[in-house]
Amino acid sequence: MAFPGRRDAPDGPDFTVLKRLARDQLIYLLEQV
């Protein structure tokens, strides 16, 4: 129960990590240009 106030995300931690990785990769690609 890491996010007691968030009921919109059933997969809580996993989805957060996935979003974080996607964001990091996007920033990485932007820095490559």
PDB file of N, CA and C in Angstrom:
ATOM      1  N   MET A   1       0.841  -1.201   0.000  1.00  0.00           N
ATOM      2  CA  MET A   1       0.000   0.000   0.000  1.00  0.00           C
ATOM      3  C   MET A   1       0.879   1.255   0.000  1.00  0.00           C
ATOM      4  N   ALA A   2       1.609   1.426  -1.064  1.00  0.00           N
ATOM      5  CA  ALA A   2       2.503   2.579  -1.158  1.00  0.00           C
ATOM      6  C   ALA A   2       1.721   3.852  -1.453  1.00  0.00           C
ATOM      7  N   PHE A   3       0.628   3.690  -2.201  1.00  0.00           N
ATOM      8  CA  PHE A   3      -0.191   4.854  -2.543  1.00  0.00           C
ATOM      9  C   PHE A   3      -1.617   4.658  -2.062  1.00  0.00           C
ATOM     10  N   PRO A   4      -1.890   4.955  -0.791  1.00  0.00           N
ATOM     11  CA  PRO A   4      -3.229   4.748  -0.227  1.00  0.00           C
ATOM     12  C   PRO A   4      -4.258   5.696  -0.828  1.00  0.00           C
ATOM     13  N   GLY A   5      -3.817   6.840  -1.332  1.00  0.00           N
ATOM     14  CA  GLY A   5      -4.747   7.835  -1.863  1.00  0.00           C
ATOM     15  C   GLY A   5      -5.010   7.655  -3.351  1.00  0.00           C
ATOM     16  N   ARG A   6      -4.250   6.767  -4.003  1.00  0.00           N
ATOM     17  CA  ARG A   6      -4.429   6.571  -5.447  1.00  0.00           C
ATOM     18  C   ARG A   6      -5.184   5.287  -5.717  1.00  0.00           C
ATOM     19  N   ARG A   7      -6.452   5.418  -6.082  1.00  0.00           N
ATOM     20  CA  ARG A   7      -7.259   4.232  -6.397  1.00  0.00           C
ATOM     21  C   ARG A   7      -7.430   4.084  -7.903  1.00  0.00           C
ATOM     22  N   ASP A   8      -6.886   5.045  -8.667  1.00  0.00           N
ATOM     23  CA  ASP A   8      -7.033   5.003 -10.121  1.00  0.00           C
ATOM     24  C   ASP A   8      -5.982   4.095 -10.754  1.00  0.00           C
ATOM     25  N   ALA A   9      -4.980   3.689  -9.957  1.00  0.00           N
ATOM     26  CA  ALA A   9      -3.921   2.837 -10.490  1.00  0.00           C
ATOM     27  C   ALA A   9      -3.873   1.514  -9.738  1.00  0.00           C
ATOM     28  N   PRO A  10      -4.492   0.470 -10.281  1.00  0.00           N
ATOM     29  CA  PRO A  10      -4.521  -0.842  -9.633  1.00  0.00           C
ATOM     30  C   PRO A  10      -3.125  -1.443  -9.513  1.00  0.00           C
ATOM     31  N   ASP A  11      -2.276  -1.191 -10.512  1.00  0.00           N
ATOM     32  CA  ASP A  11      -0.934  -1.760 -10.527  1.00  0.00           C
ATOM     33  C   ASP A  11       0.091  -0.788  -9.952  1.00  0.00           C
ATOM     34  N   GLY A  12      -0.390   0.123  -9.144  1.00  0.00           N
ATOM     35  CA  GLY A  12       0.408   1.126  -8.454  1.00  0.00           C
ATOM     36  C   GLY A  12       1.897   1.190  -8.775  1.00  0.00           C
ATOM     37  N   PRO A  13       2.741   0.503  -7.995  1.00  0.00           N
ATOM     38  CA  PRO A  13       4.197   0.603  -8.124  1.00  0.00           C
ATOM     39  C   PRO A  13       4.698   0.245  -9.518  1.00  0.00           C
ATOM     40  N   ASP A  14       4.212  -0.855 -10.091  1.00  0.00           N
ATOM     41  CA  ASP A  14       4.678  -1.302 -11.404  1.00  0.00           C
ATOM     42  C   ASP A  14       4.434  -0.230 -12.460  1.00  0.00           C
ATOM     43  N   PHE A  15       3.239   0.342 -12.447  1.00  0.00           N
ATOM     44  CA  PHE A  15       2.897   1.357 -13.445  1.00  0.00           C
ATOM     45  C   PHE A  15       3.750   2.604 -13.249  1.00  0.00           C
ATOM     46  N   THR A  16       4.010   2.942 -11.994  1.00  0.00           N
ATOM     47  CA  THR A  16       4.833   4.119 -11.700  1.00  0.00           C
ATOM     48  C   THR A  16       6.249   3.918 -12.216  1.00  0.00           C
ATOM     49  N   VAL A  17       6.791   2.730 -11.988  1.00  0.00           N
ATOM     50  CA  VAL A  17       8.149   2.425 -12.455  1.00  0.00           C
ATOM     51  C   VAL A  17       8.198   2.462 -13.975  1.00  0.00           C
ATOM     52  N   LEU A  18       7.172   1.899 -14.609  1.00  0.00           N
ATOM     53  CA  LEU A  18       7.133   1.872 -16.071  1.00  0.00           C
ATOM     54  C   LEU A  18       7.107   3.291 -16.622  1.00  0.00           C
ATOM     55  N   LYS A  19       6.281   4.131 -16.000  1.00  0.00           N
ATOM     56  CA  LYS A  19       6.182   5.523 -16.441  1.00  0.00           C
ATOM     57  C   LYS A  19       7.518   6.239 -16.250  1.00  0.00           C
ATOM     58  N   ARG A  20       8.167   5.924 -15.141  1.00  0.00           N
ATOM     59  CA  ARG A  20       9.453   6.556 -14.848  1.00  0.00           C
ATOM     60  C   ARG A  20      10.508   6.161 -15.875  1.00  0.00           C
ATOM     61  N   LEU A  21      10.536   4.872 -16.222  1.00  0.00           N
ATOM     62  CA  LEU A  21      11.504   4.401 -17.211  1.00  0.00           C
ATOM     63  C   LEU A  21      11.243   5.036 -18.568  1.00  0.00           C
ATOM     64  N   ALA A  22       9.970   5.142 -18.939  1.00  0.00           N
ATOM     65  CA  ALA A  22       9.610   5.739 -20.224  1.00  0.00           C
ATOM     66  C   ALA A  22      10.057   7.196 -20.264  1.00  0.00           C
ATOM     67  N   ARG A  23       9.870   7.893 -19.151  1.00  0.00           N
ATOM     68  CA  ARG A  23      10.258   9.304 -19.092  1.00  0.00           C
ATOM     69  C   ARG A  23      11.775   9.458 -19.184  1.00  0.00           C
ATOM     70  N   ASP A  24      12.493   8.590 -18.467  1.00  0.00           N
ATOM     71  CA  ASP A  24      13.954   8.651 -18.513  1.00  0.00           C
ATOM     72  C   ASP A  24      14.466   8.388 -19.922  1.00  0.00           C
ATOM     73  N   GLN A  25      13.844   7.423 -20.609  1.00  0.00           N
ATOM     74  CA  GLN A  25      14.277   7.092 -21.963  1.00  0.00           C
ATOM     75  C   GLN A  25      13.976   8.244 -22.916  1.00  0.00           C
ATOM     76  N   LEU A  26      12.842   8.899 -22.713  1.00  0.00           N
ATOM     77  CA  LEU A  26      12.470  10.032 -23.557  1.00  0.00           C
ATOM     78  C   LEU A  26      13.482  11.161 -23.384  1.00  0.00           C
ATOM     79  N   ILE A  27      13.844  11.451 -22.143  1.00  0.00           N
ATOM     80  CA  ILE A  27      14.836  12.496 -21.873  1.00  0.00           C
ATOM     81  C   ILE A  27      16.172  12.119 -22.499  1.00  0.00           C
ATOM     82  N   TYR A  28      16.526  10.847 -22.416  1.00  0.00           N
ATOM     83  CA  TYR A  28      17.787  10.373 -22.994  1.00  0.00           C
ATOM     84  C   TYR A  28      17.804  10.609 -24.498  1.00  0.00           C
ATOM     85  N   LEU A  29      16.693  10.281 -25.154  1.00  0.00           N
ATOM     86  CA  LEU A  29      16.603  10.473 -26.601  1.00  0.00           C
ATOM     87  C   LEU A  29      16.681  11.951 -26.961  1.00  0.00           C
ATOM     88  N   LEU A  30      16.051  12.789 -26.148  1.00  0.00           N
ATOM     89  CA  LEU A  30      16.076  14.229 -26.419  1.00  0.00           C
ATOM     90  C   LEU A  30      17.490  14.783 -26.266  1.00  0.00           C
ATOM     91  N   GLU A  31      18.247  14.239 -25.325  1.00  0.00           N
ATOM     92  CA  GLU A  31      19.613  14.716 -25.109  1.00  0.00           C
ATOM     93  C   GLU A  31      20.547  14.241 -26.220  1.00  0.00           C
ATOM     94  N   GLN A  32      20.155  13.188 -26.922  1.00  0.00           N
ATOM     95  CA  GLN A  32      20.986  12.657 -27.999  1.00  0.00           C
ATOM     96  C   GLN A  32      21.027  13.611 -29.190  1.00  0.00           C
ATOM     97  N   VAL A  33      19.968  14.376 -29.380  1.00  0.00           N
ATOM     98  CA  VAL A  33      19.883  15.272 -30.546  1.00  0.00           C
ATOM     99  C   VAL A  33      20.898  16.397 -30.422  1.00  0.00           C
TER     100      VAL A  33
END
